[in-house]
């Protein structure tokens, strides 16, 4: 296989791993960052998740170190345990022909075991901020002098309150070091951190300022009533049939409720949130990565740093509060050059907030109507017909036909078998969900007029309207019956 990574003059064993991994052409962030890092520069790199940032800092860094020194030469700080594990795995894969050993450091695991692994000659440590600072403050790491320090997903560490920990960690590290900062967005605190702690950094910005979302992601929104959220999500899942997807919820309680409901109607789903035990969270993520489950229902914090490249769809069960959260969520799909779809459920009262997010992140989020039940049924019948036409004959099919043949004619047998398939994939719910464009425009205009009148009068009827909508939502899925699926 040919590759254009050889233009960077990477170490030959690192380049061998690149070829083995199937990388053919550098991504934009790799193209710009790798030469700057190999020249010894500090860098500040802004690029979306899923654009190859780990290889962008890992390939040049591991080319420059000497694994024979048997000491930590590269330190990577990441916001979550999950991301630390994923980054460590990828760096191990890319460095294995150089015999580069990596160790992952995070809370909830044995201090002695982690320290012991480092002392056995690890060249790379990937750590979460809390555990790393704990080890440094208590002087539990001897001769810990990494020459390359990487801050990965810096904006996520800011959002999670780790910025002070990062500042303190850097104080324990050698002043003469190369520091690489990678972030999807560049809020003011991250810019100040770079100015204080990096030495004359070079800047890499792959995403133009007016665009902070990945162009490989198709972004859609569906306007519904509050009480229709559950039915809308299920209808879209039935219609789109995502290969692997994440449903983002605002609260842990909502994660539990939505994931339980999806499992009850036959979807291979599991929840993920911060109240779960660490080993349980790791088990769920592993099952999701290995396609043992098709759907993850998660909170923002639980899914931070989730590095799975084959997620086809992201669903925002509720619209996120902040543009940065929107960018983070939808960045779970459309990764590594693959196409993805991001879907947001919005009520008419949230319509303007959705438009503000779209303007803020500089993207076009397209309005779509939720398919009717009749449309989905018709589409599934067409797919079923194609599947029947393309299905290979089973070795026992003739035996069953022989058993039935004396009592039922061939036409009736076919109709009964098709009816059995249709019953197994039966769909539920109302025929129509949500609003069309014309109805939405009229409704938004009426809401705007009412809000203007309320502001002029000092009234608050809009708040009471929202309260009634939330009351309706509590019973939104009461009458839905479980069904079997043949997926």
Protein backbone atom coordinates (compact mmCIF):
# COMPACT_ATOMS: atom_id res chain seq x y z
CA UNK A 1 0.00 0.00 0.00
CA UNK A 2 1.26 3.48 -0.87
CA UNK A 3 1.15 6.32 1.65
CA UNK A 4 2.07 9.98 1.55
CA UNK A 5 3.10 10.04 5.23
CA UNK A 6 6.69 9.31 4.15
CA UNK A 7 7.06 12.99 3.16
CA UNK A 8 7.32 13.89 6.87
CA UNK A 9 10.50 11.84 7.41
CA UNK A 10 8.95 10.04 10.37
CA UNK A 11 10.90 7.28 12.10
CA UNK A 12 10.81 4.18 9.87
CA UNK A 13 9.18 2.02 12.56
CA UNK A 14 6.49 4.64 13.15
CA UNK A 15 5.91 4.85 9.40
CA UNK A 16 5.57 1.06 9.30
CA UNK A 17 2.78 1.28 11.88
CA UNK A 18 1.10 4.00 9.80
CA UNK A 19 1.07 1.69 6.79
CA UNK A 20 -0.17 -1.25 8.88
CA UNK A 21 -2.99 0.92 10.25
CA UNK A 22 -4.14 1.67 6.71
CA UNK A 23 -3.46 5.43 6.74
CA UNK A 24 -2.95 6.58 3.17
CA UNK A 25 -3.09 10.38 3.25
CA UNK A 26 -2.61 12.76 6.18
CA UNK A 27 -5.70 14.62 7.37
CA UNK A 28 -5.52 18.44 7.26
CA UNK A 29 -4.53 18.75 10.93
CA UNK A 30 -1.85 16.07 10.47
CA UNK A 31 -0.54 17.82 7.38
CA UNK A 32 -0.03 21.09 9.23
CA UNK A 33 0.85 19.93 12.73
CA UNK A 34 3.34 17.10 12.09
CA UNK A 35 6.07 19.22 10.41
CA UNK A 36 5.79 21.93 13.10
CA UNK A 37 6.08 19.37 15.90
CA UNK A 38 9.07 17.65 14.26
CA UNK A 39 10.79 21.06 14.13
CA UNK A 40 10.45 21.27 17.91
CA UNK A 41 7.79 23.99 18.08
CA UNK A 42 5.14 24.40 20.74
CA UNK A 43 1.81 24.44 18.93
CA UNK A 44 -1.82 25.41 19.52
CA UNK A 45 -4.02 23.37 17.18
CA UNK A 46 -7.73 23.89 16.67
CA UNK A 47 -9.53 21.08 14.86
CA UNK A 48 -12.74 19.17 15.29
CA UNK A 49 -12.87 15.80 17.01
CA UNK A 50 -12.51 12.90 14.62
CA UNK A 51 -10.00 14.66 12.38
CA UNK A 52 -6.98 12.59 13.37
CA UNK A 53 -5.60 14.68 16.23
CA UNK A 54 -4.15 11.73 18.14
CA UNK A 55 -1.99 10.72 15.18
CA UNK A 56 -1.20 14.40 14.55
CA UNK A 57 0.63 14.65 17.87
CA UNK A 58 1.46 10.97 18.37
CA UNK A 59 3.36 10.24 15.15
CA UNK A 60 5.90 13.08 15.38
CA UNK A 61 6.27 12.83 19.16
CA UNK A 62 7.01 9.12 19.10
CA UNK A 63 9.40 9.62 16.18
CA UNK A 64 11.53 12.03 18.24
CA UNK A 65 11.94 10.07 21.49
CA UNK A 66 14.38 7.28 22.33
CA UNK A 67 12.51 4.21 23.72
CA UNK A 68 15.80 2.71 24.91
CA UNK A 69 16.05 5.35 27.67
CA UNK A 70 13.31 3.50 29.63
CA UNK A 71 11.77 6.65 31.11
CA UNK A 72 8.68 8.74 30.50
CA UNK A 73 9.35 11.11 27.62
CA UNK A 74 5.79 11.93 26.51
CA UNK A 75 2.90 12.96 28.77
CA UNK A 76 -0.62 13.28 27.34
CA UNK A 77 -3.32 14.87 29.51
CA UNK A 78 -6.93 14.07 28.55
CA UNK A 79 -10.22 15.01 30.24
CA UNK A 80 -11.73 11.54 30.85
CA UNK A 81 -10.73 7.99 31.67
CA UNK A 82 -12.39 6.75 28.50
CA UNK A 83 -10.43 9.14 26.29
CA UNK A 84 -7.21 8.37 28.15
CA UNK A 85 -7.68 4.67 27.43
CA UNK A 86 -8.52 5.28 23.78
CA UNK A 87 -5.57 7.62 23.19
CA UNK A 88 -3.24 5.21 24.96
CA UNK A 89 -4.45 2.31 22.80
CA UNK A 90 -3.96 4.29 19.59
CA UNK A 91 -0.47 5.46 20.61
CA UNK A 92 0.48 1.89 21.51
CA UNK A 93 -0.68 0.72 18.07
CA UNK A 94 1.26 3.45 16.29
CA UNK A 95 4.39 2.93 18.41
CA UNK A 96 4.48 -0.84 18.69
CA UNK A 97 7.19 -1.41 16.05
CA UNK A 98 9.44 1.02 17.98
CA UNK A 99 8.78 -0.93 21.16
CA UNK A 100 7.22 2.15 22.77
CA UNK A 101 5.38 1.26 25.97
CA UNK A 102 2.35 3.27 27.03
CA UNK A 103 0.69 3.47 30.44
CA UNK A 104 -2.75 4.89 31.23
CA UNK A 105 -3.21 6.78 34.51
CA UNK A 106 -6.64 7.61 35.93
CA UNK A 107 -8.55 7.61 39.19
CA UNK A 108 -10.35 4.55 40.49
CA UNK A 109 -7.45 2.16 39.78
CA UNK A 110 -4.54 1.02 41.93
CA UNK A 111 -1.80 3.61 42.54
CA UNK A 112 0.84 0.94 42.99
CA UNK A 113 -0.06 -0.88 39.80
CA UNK A 114 0.04 2.30 37.71
CA UNK A 115 3.29 3.50 39.28
CA UNK A 116 4.80 0.04 38.84
CA UNK A 117 3.98 0.02 35.13
CA UNK A 118 5.62 3.43 34.70
CA UNK A 119 8.75 2.29 36.53
CA UNK A 120 9.05 -0.73 34.22
CA UNK A 121 10.07 1.60 31.41
CA UNK A 122 7.05 3.34 29.94
CA UNK A 123 7.91 5.95 27.32
CA UNK A 124 4.38 7.42 27.13
CA UNK A 125 1.95 8.22 29.93
CA UNK A 126 -1.64 9.16 29.12
CA UNK A 127 -3.39 10.56 32.18
CA UNK A 128 -6.45 12.33 33.48
CA UNK A 129 -5.75 15.62 35.31
CA UNK A 130 -6.89 14.62 38.81
CA UNK A 131 -4.81 11.45 39.15
CA UNK A 132 -1.79 13.02 37.45
CA UNK A 133 -1.77 15.99 39.83
CA UNK A 134 -2.26 13.69 42.81
CA UNK A 135 0.82 11.64 41.87
CA UNK A 136 2.95 14.74 41.29
CA UNK A 137 1.90 16.57 44.47
CA UNK A 138 2.64 13.52 46.58
CA UNK A 139 6.01 12.96 44.89
CA UNK A 140 5.09 9.42 43.87
CA UNK A 141 6.78 9.62 40.45
CA UNK A 142 10.57 9.69 40.58
CA UNK A 143 12.56 11.43 37.82
CA UNK A 144 9.36 12.34 36.01
CA UNK A 145 10.69 14.68 33.33
CA UNK A 146 8.72 14.29 30.08
CA UNK A 147 10.19 16.31 27.25
CA UNK A 148 6.91 16.50 25.30
CA UNK A 149 3.62 17.43 27.01
CA UNK A 150 0.32 17.25 25.15
CA UNK A 151 -2.96 18.78 26.32
CA UNK A 152 -5.69 16.96 24.39
CA UNK A 153 -9.29 18.22 24.19
CA UNK A 154 -8.34 21.33 26.18
CA UNK A 155 -11.79 22.92 25.89
CA UNK A 156 -13.39 19.80 27.36
CA UNK A 157 -11.00 19.99 30.32
CA UNK A 158 -12.04 23.61 30.76
CA UNK A 159 -15.74 22.65 30.71
CA UNK A 160 -15.14 19.94 33.30
CA UNK A 161 -13.33 22.32 35.67
CA UNK A 162 -9.81 20.94 35.19
CA UNK A 163 -8.08 24.14 34.10
CA UNK A 164 -6.57 24.84 37.53
CA UNK A 165 -5.34 21.25 37.74
CA UNK A 166 -3.66 21.66 34.34
CA UNK A 167 -1.94 24.84 35.51
CA UNK A 168 -0.65 23.05 38.61
CA UNK A 169 0.51 19.98 36.67
CA UNK A 170 2.58 22.15 34.32
CA UNK A 171 4.35 23.72 37.32
CA UNK A 172 5.73 20.30 38.27
CA UNK A 173 7.10 19.61 34.79
CA UNK A 174 10.43 20.71 33.28
CA UNK A 175 10.47 24.29 32.04
CA UNK A 176 12.43 23.14 29.00
CA UNK A 177 9.81 21.07 27.26
CA UNK A 178 7.75 21.00 24.09
CA UNK A 179 4.06 21.66 24.78
CA UNK A 180 1.29 20.82 22.31
CA UNK A 181 -2.26 22.03 22.93
CA UNK A 182 -5.15 20.57 20.92
CA UNK A 183 -8.73 21.81 21.21
CA UNK A 184 -11.93 21.81 19.14
CA UNK A 185 -12.78 25.35 20.23
CA UNK A 186 -10.66 28.21 21.57
CA UNK A 187 -12.50 29.97 24.41
CA UNK A 188 -10.72 32.84 26.12
CA UNK A 189 -9.43 30.81 29.14
CA UNK A 190 -7.71 28.35 26.78
CA UNK A 191 -6.10 31.21 24.88
CA UNK A 192 -4.79 32.66 28.16
CA UNK A 193 -3.44 29.25 29.19
CA UNK A 194 -1.57 28.94 25.88
CA UNK A 195 -0.12 32.43 26.27
CA UNK A 196 1.12 31.73 29.81
CA UNK A 197 2.38 28.16 29.48
CA UNK A 198 3.54 27.70 25.88
CA UNK A 199 6.76 29.05 24.39
CA UNK A 200 6.18 31.10 21.25
CA UNK A 201 3.65 28.59 19.90
CA UNK A 202 2.82 28.08 16.26
CA UNK A 203 -0.91 28.07 15.48
CA UNK A 204 -2.77 25.48 13.44
CA UNK A 205 -6.44 26.16 12.69
CA UNK A 206 -8.10 23.68 10.40
CA UNK A 207 -11.62 24.96 10.96
CA UNK A 208 -12.36 28.44 9.60
CA UNK A 209 -13.65 30.80 12.27
CA UNK A 210 -17.13 30.89 10.78
CA UNK A 211 -17.37 27.08 10.68
CA UNK A 212 -16.90 25.00 13.81
CA UNK A 213 -18.77 21.87 12.73
CA UNK A 214 -17.57 19.07 10.49
CA UNK A 215 -18.81 19.39 6.89
CA UNK A 216 -19.08 15.60 6.65
CA UNK A 217 -22.05 15.76 9.05
CA UNK A 218 -25.55 16.32 7.68
CA UNK A 219 -27.37 18.40 10.31
CA UNK A 220 -31.16 18.21 10.60
CA UNK A 221 -33.79 19.38 13.05
CA UNK A 222 -37.38 18.25 13.56
CA UNK A 223 -39.96 20.45 15.29
CA UNK A 224 -42.35 18.59 17.58
CA UNK A 225 -44.56 19.14 20.57
CA UNK A 226 -42.99 18.45 23.95
CA UNK A 227 -45.21 15.41 24.52
CA UNK A 228 -44.08 13.91 21.20
CA UNK A 229 -40.36 13.51 21.99
CA UNK A 230 -40.44 9.77 22.70
CA UNK A 231 -42.60 8.97 19.70
CA UNK A 232 -40.51 11.22 17.44
CA UNK A 233 -37.24 9.57 18.47
CA UNK A 234 -38.62 6.07 17.90
CA UNK A 235 -40.18 7.06 14.58
CA UNK A 236 -36.87 8.46 13.35
CA UNK A 237 -35.01 5.34 14.49
CA UNK A 238 -37.53 3.16 12.67
CA UNK A 239 -37.23 5.29 9.55
CA UNK A 240 -33.46 5.87 9.41
CA UNK A 241 -32.33 2.49 10.81
CA UNK A 242 -28.95 3.81 12.04
CA UNK A 243 -26.06 1.35 12.09
CA UNK A 244 -24.60 2.77 15.30
CA UNK A 245 -25.90 5.84 17.11
CA UNK A 246 -25.78 7.99 20.23
CA UNK A 247 -28.84 9.60 21.81
CA UNK A 248 -27.84 12.58 23.98
CA UNK A 249 -30.01 13.38 27.00
CA UNK A 250 -29.71 16.21 29.52
CA UNK A 251 -30.01 14.21 32.76
CA UNK A 252 -29.01 10.83 34.15
CA UNK A 253 -32.66 10.10 34.99
CA UNK A 254 -33.63 10.72 31.39
CA UNK A 255 -30.82 8.46 30.16
CA UNK A 256 -32.17 5.62 32.29
CA UNK A 257 -35.76 6.17 31.15
CA UNK A 258 -35.02 6.51 27.41
CA UNK A 259 -32.57 3.60 27.27
CA UNK A 260 -35.01 1.36 29.16
CA UNK A 261 -37.82 2.26 26.78
CA UNK A 262 -35.69 1.61 23.68
CA UNK A 263 -34.62 -1.78 25.00
CA UNK A 264 -38.26 -2.63 25.82
CA UNK A 265 -39.29 -2.14 22.18
CA UNK A 266 -36.46 -4.22 20.80
CA UNK A 267 -33.52 -1.89 20.22
CA UNK A 268 -30.03 -2.97 21.22
CA UNK A 269 -29.40 0.02 23.50
CA UNK A 270 -27.61 0.86 26.73
CA UNK A 271 -27.33 3.92 28.95
CA UNK A 272 -24.13 5.74 29.96
CA UNK A 273 -23.88 8.36 32.71
CA UNK A 274 -21.73 9.47 35.62
CA UNK A 275 -23.58 7.55 38.34
CA UNK A 276 -22.55 4.21 36.86
CA UNK A 277 -19.58 2.33 38.31
CA UNK A 278 -16.36 2.76 36.34
CA UNK A 279 -16.13 -0.89 35.34
CA UNK A 280 -19.75 -0.78 34.20
CA UNK A 281 -19.10 2.32 32.08
CA UNK A 282 -16.03 0.72 30.52
CA UNK A 283 -18.02 -2.44 29.76
CA UNK A 284 -20.77 -0.45 28.02
CA UNK A 285 -18.28 1.56 25.93
CA UNK A 286 -16.42 -1.61 24.94
CA UNK A 287 -19.67 -3.28 23.89
CA UNK A 288 -20.62 -0.19 21.88
CA UNK A 289 -17.23 0.01 20.19
CA UNK A 290 -17.40 -3.69 19.30
CA UNK A 291 -20.97 -3.31 17.94
CA UNK A 292 -22.42 -5.61 20.58
CA UNK A 293 -24.90 -2.80 21.21
CA UNK A 294 -26.15 -0.51 18.44
CA UNK A 295 -27.21 2.52 20.45
CA UNK A 296 -25.76 4.51 23.34
CA UNK A 297 -28.05 6.78 25.38
CA UNK A 298 -25.74 9.17 27.22
CA UNK A 299 -25.26 12.46 29.02
CA UNK A 300 -22.76 15.01 27.68
CA UNK A 301 -20.15 14.36 30.38
CA UNK A 302 -20.34 10.58 30.06
CA UNK A 303 -19.74 10.69 26.30
CA UNK A 304 -16.86 13.21 26.37
CA UNK A 305 -13.85 11.86 24.56
CA UNK A 306 -15.72 8.85 23.20
CA UNK A 307 -13.58 7.81 20.24
CA UNK A 308 -15.67 5.52 18.02
CA UNK A 309 -15.25 6.12 14.29
CA UNK A 310 -18.28 4.27 12.88
CA UNK A 311 -21.15 6.17 14.54
CA UNK A 312 -23.66 6.88 11.77
CA UNK A 313 -26.15 9.07 13.67
CA UNK A 314 -26.28 11.38 16.67
CA UNK A 315 -29.66 12.32 18.16
CA UNK A 316 -30.17 15.31 20.46
CA UNK A 317 -33.22 14.18 22.43
CA UNK A 318 -33.24 17.71 23.83
CA UNK A 319 -31.49 20.65 22.23
CA UNK A 320 -28.21 21.42 24.06
CA UNK A 321 -28.01 24.68 25.99
CA UNK A 322 -24.74 25.94 24.47
CA UNK A 323 -23.24 26.00 20.96
CA UNK A 324 -20.09 24.34 22.29
CA UNK A 325 -22.17 21.42 23.56
CA UNK A 326 -23.84 21.11 20.17
CA UNK A 327 -20.45 20.99 18.41
CA UNK A 328 -19.19 18.40 20.88
CA UNK A 329 -22.24 16.18 20.55
CA UNK A 330 -22.46 16.07 16.78
CA UNK A 331 -18.69 15.61 16.56
CA UNK A 332 -19.20 12.00 17.66
CA UNK A 333 -20.29 11.20 14.08
CA UNK A 334 -18.73 12.02 10.70
CA UNK A 335 -15.30 10.99 11.98
CA UNK A 336 -12.18 9.85 10.12
CA UNK A 337 -13.55 10.99 6.75
CA UNK A 338 -16.86 9.13 7.08
CA UNK A 339 -20.27 10.74 6.58
CA UNK A 340 -22.63 11.18 9.52
CA UNK A 341 -26.04 12.58 10.41
CA UNK A 342 -26.91 14.75 13.43
CA UNK A 343 -30.57 15.16 14.40
CA UNK A 344 -32.03 17.56 16.96
CA UNK A 345 -35.57 17.48 18.34
CA UNK A 346 -36.91 21.00 18.91
CA UNK A 347 -40.21 22.43 20.18
CA UNK A 348 -41.66 25.62 18.66
CA UNK A 349 -40.61 27.52 21.81
CA UNK A 350 -37.01 26.35 21.24
CA UNK A 351 -37.01 27.25 17.55
CA UNK A 352 -35.19 30.59 17.92
CA UNK A 353 -32.59 29.02 20.23
CA UNK A 354 -31.90 26.42 17.55
CA UNK A 355 -31.42 29.19 15.00
CA UNK A 356 -29.00 31.02 17.32
CA UNK A 357 -26.91 27.89 17.75
CA UNK A 358 -26.80 27.41 13.97
CA UNK A 359 -25.67 31.02 13.50
CA UNK A 360 -23.11 30.78 16.30
CA UNK A 361 -21.43 27.66 14.91
CA UNK A 362 -21.75 28.90 11.34
CA UNK A 363 -23.63 25.98 9.88
CA UNK A 364 -26.82 25.18 8.01
CA UNK A 365 -29.14 22.98 10.07
CA UNK A 366 -31.94 21.85 7.77
CA UNK A 367 -35.60 21.59 8.75
CA UNK A 368 -37.21 18.18 8.17
CA UNK A 369 -40.59 16.66 8.91
CA UNK A 370 -40.90 13.49 10.97
CA UNK A 371 -42.04 10.73 8.59
CA UNK A 372 -45.60 9.54 9.06
CA UNK A 373 -46.30 6.03 10.26
CA UNK A 374 -47.74 5.23 6.82
CA UNK A 375 -44.55 6.43 5.10
CA UNK A 376 -42.32 4.30 7.33
CA UNK A 377 -44.51 1.22 6.87
CA UNK A 378 -44.45 1.66 3.09
CA UNK A 379 -40.67 2.09 3.11
CA UNK A 380 -40.19 -1.01 5.24
CA UNK A 381 -42.38 -3.07 2.92
CA UNK A 382 -40.16 -2.07 -0.01
CA UNK A 383 -37.02 -2.99 1.94
CA UNK A 384 -38.57 -6.27 2.99
CA UNK A 385 -39.39 -7.13 -0.61
CA UNK A 386 -35.78 -6.44 -1.62
CA UNK A 387 -34.47 -8.58 1.25
CA UNK A 388 -36.73 -11.46 0.26
CA UNK A 389 -35.60 -11.18 -3.35
CA UNK A 390 -31.90 -11.23 -2.35
CA UNK A 391 -32.09 -13.91 0.36
CA UNK A 392 -30.24 -17.15 -0.37
CA UNK A 393 -32.23 -20.35 -0.05
CA UNK A 394 -31.74 -22.21 3.22
CA UNK A 395 -30.95 -25.91 3.03
CA UNK A 396 -34.07 -26.77 5.07
CA UNK A 397 -36.46 -24.48 3.18
CA UNK A 398 -37.58 -27.29 0.84
CA UNK A 399 -38.31 -29.58 3.81
CA UNK A 400 -40.66 -27.02 5.35
CA UNK A 401 -42.31 -26.49 1.99
CA UNK A 402 -42.81 -30.24 1.64
CA UNK A 403 -44.42 -30.38 5.09
CA UNK A 404 -46.84 -27.59 4.20
CA UNK A 405 -47.32 -28.42 0.55
CA UNK A 406 -50.13 -30.98 0.85
CA UNK A 407 -52.40 -28.73 2.91
CA UNK A 408 -51.68 -25.17 1.67
CA UNK A 409 -51.02 -23.95 -1.86
CA UNK A 410 -47.78 -22.13 -2.67
CA UNK A 411 -49.38 -18.69 -2.95
CA UNK A 412 -50.95 -18.95 0.50
CA UNK A 413 -47.67 -20.16 2.01
CA UNK A 414 -45.90 -17.09 0.59
CA UNK A 415 -48.52 -14.72 1.96
CA UNK A 416 -48.39 -16.33 5.40
CA UNK A 417 -44.59 -16.09 5.53
CA UNK A 418 -44.68 -12.44 4.47
CA UNK A 419 -47.38 -11.75 7.08
CA UNK A 420 -45.18 -13.34 9.72
CA UNK A 421 -42.29 -11.05 8.78
CA UNK A 422 -44.53 -7.97 8.82
CA UNK A 423 -45.89 -8.86 12.26
CA UNK A 424 -42.38 -9.24 13.65
CA UNK A 425 -41.54 -5.71 12.50
CA UNK A 426 -44.84 -4.08 13.46
CA UNK A 427 -44.66 -0.35 14.11
CA UNK A 428 -46.61 1.63 16.69
CA UNK A 429 -47.43 5.24 17.45
CA UNK A 430 -49.53 8.03 15.93
CA UNK A 431 -49.52 8.50 12.18
CA UNK A 432 -48.38 12.16 12.26
CA UNK A 433 -45.78 13.66 14.59
CA UNK A 434 -44.55 17.24 14.67
CA UNK A 435 -45.06 20.20 12.35
CA UNK A 436 -44.69 20.97 8.67
CA UNK A 437 -42.88 24.14 7.58
CA UNK A 438 -46.03 26.24 7.02
CA UNK A 439 -47.64 25.29 10.33
CA UNK A 440 -44.35 25.89 12.13
CA UNK A 441 -43.93 29.38 10.61
CA UNK A 442 -47.45 30.37 11.65
CA UNK A 443 -46.99 28.94 15.14
CA UNK A 444 -43.63 30.64 15.69
CA UNK A 445 -45.12 33.94 14.55
CA UNK A 446 -48.01 33.58 17.02
CA UNK A 447 -45.59 32.72 19.83
CA UNK A 448 -43.43 35.75 18.97
CA UNK A 449 -46.49 38.02 18.93
CA UNK A 450 -47.68 36.64 22.26
CA UNK A 451 -44.26 37.01 23.86
CA UNK A 452 -44.05 40.60 22.65
CA UNK A 453 -47.46 41.34 24.17
CA UNK A 454 -46.46 39.65 27.41
CA UNK A 455 -43.25 41.67 27.63
CA UNK A 456 -45.17 44.89 27.04
CA UNK A 457 -47.71 43.96 29.73
CA UNK A 458 -45.21 42.39 32.13
CA UNK A 459 -47.10 39.09 31.86
CA UNK A 460 -45.76 35.57 32.16
CA UNK A 461 -48.19 33.32 30.32
CA UNK A 462 -45.35 31.80 28.28
CA UNK A 463 -43.92 30.20 31.42
CA UNK A 464 -47.25 28.59 32.30
CA UNK A 465 -47.54 27.22 28.77
CA UNK A 466 -44.16 25.51 29.12
CA UNK A 467 -45.23 23.97 32.41
CA UNK A 468 -48.30 22.38 30.85
CA UNK A 469 -46.15 20.99 28.03
CA UNK A 470 -43.84 19.29 30.54
CA UNK A 471 -46.85 17.76 32.36
CA UNK A 472 -48.00 16.21 29.10
CA UNK A 473 -44.55 14.78 28.47
CA UNK A 474 -44.69 12.62 31.59
CA UNK A 475 -47.32 10.43 29.94
CA UNK A 476 -46.00 10.57 26.40
CA UNK A 477 -45.16 6.88 26.07
CA UNK A 478 -47.75 5.29 28.34
CA UNK A 479 -49.68 3.47 25.61
CA UNK A 480 -46.72 2.15 23.58
CA UNK A 481 -46.54 -1.65 23.52
CA UNK A 482 -43.31 -3.66 23.27
CA UNK A 483 -42.66 -5.26 19.91
CA UNK A 484 -40.14 -7.67 18.53
CA UNK A 485 -37.66 -6.61 15.88
CA UNK A 486 -35.72 -8.54 13.27
CA UNK A 487 -32.65 -6.38 12.88
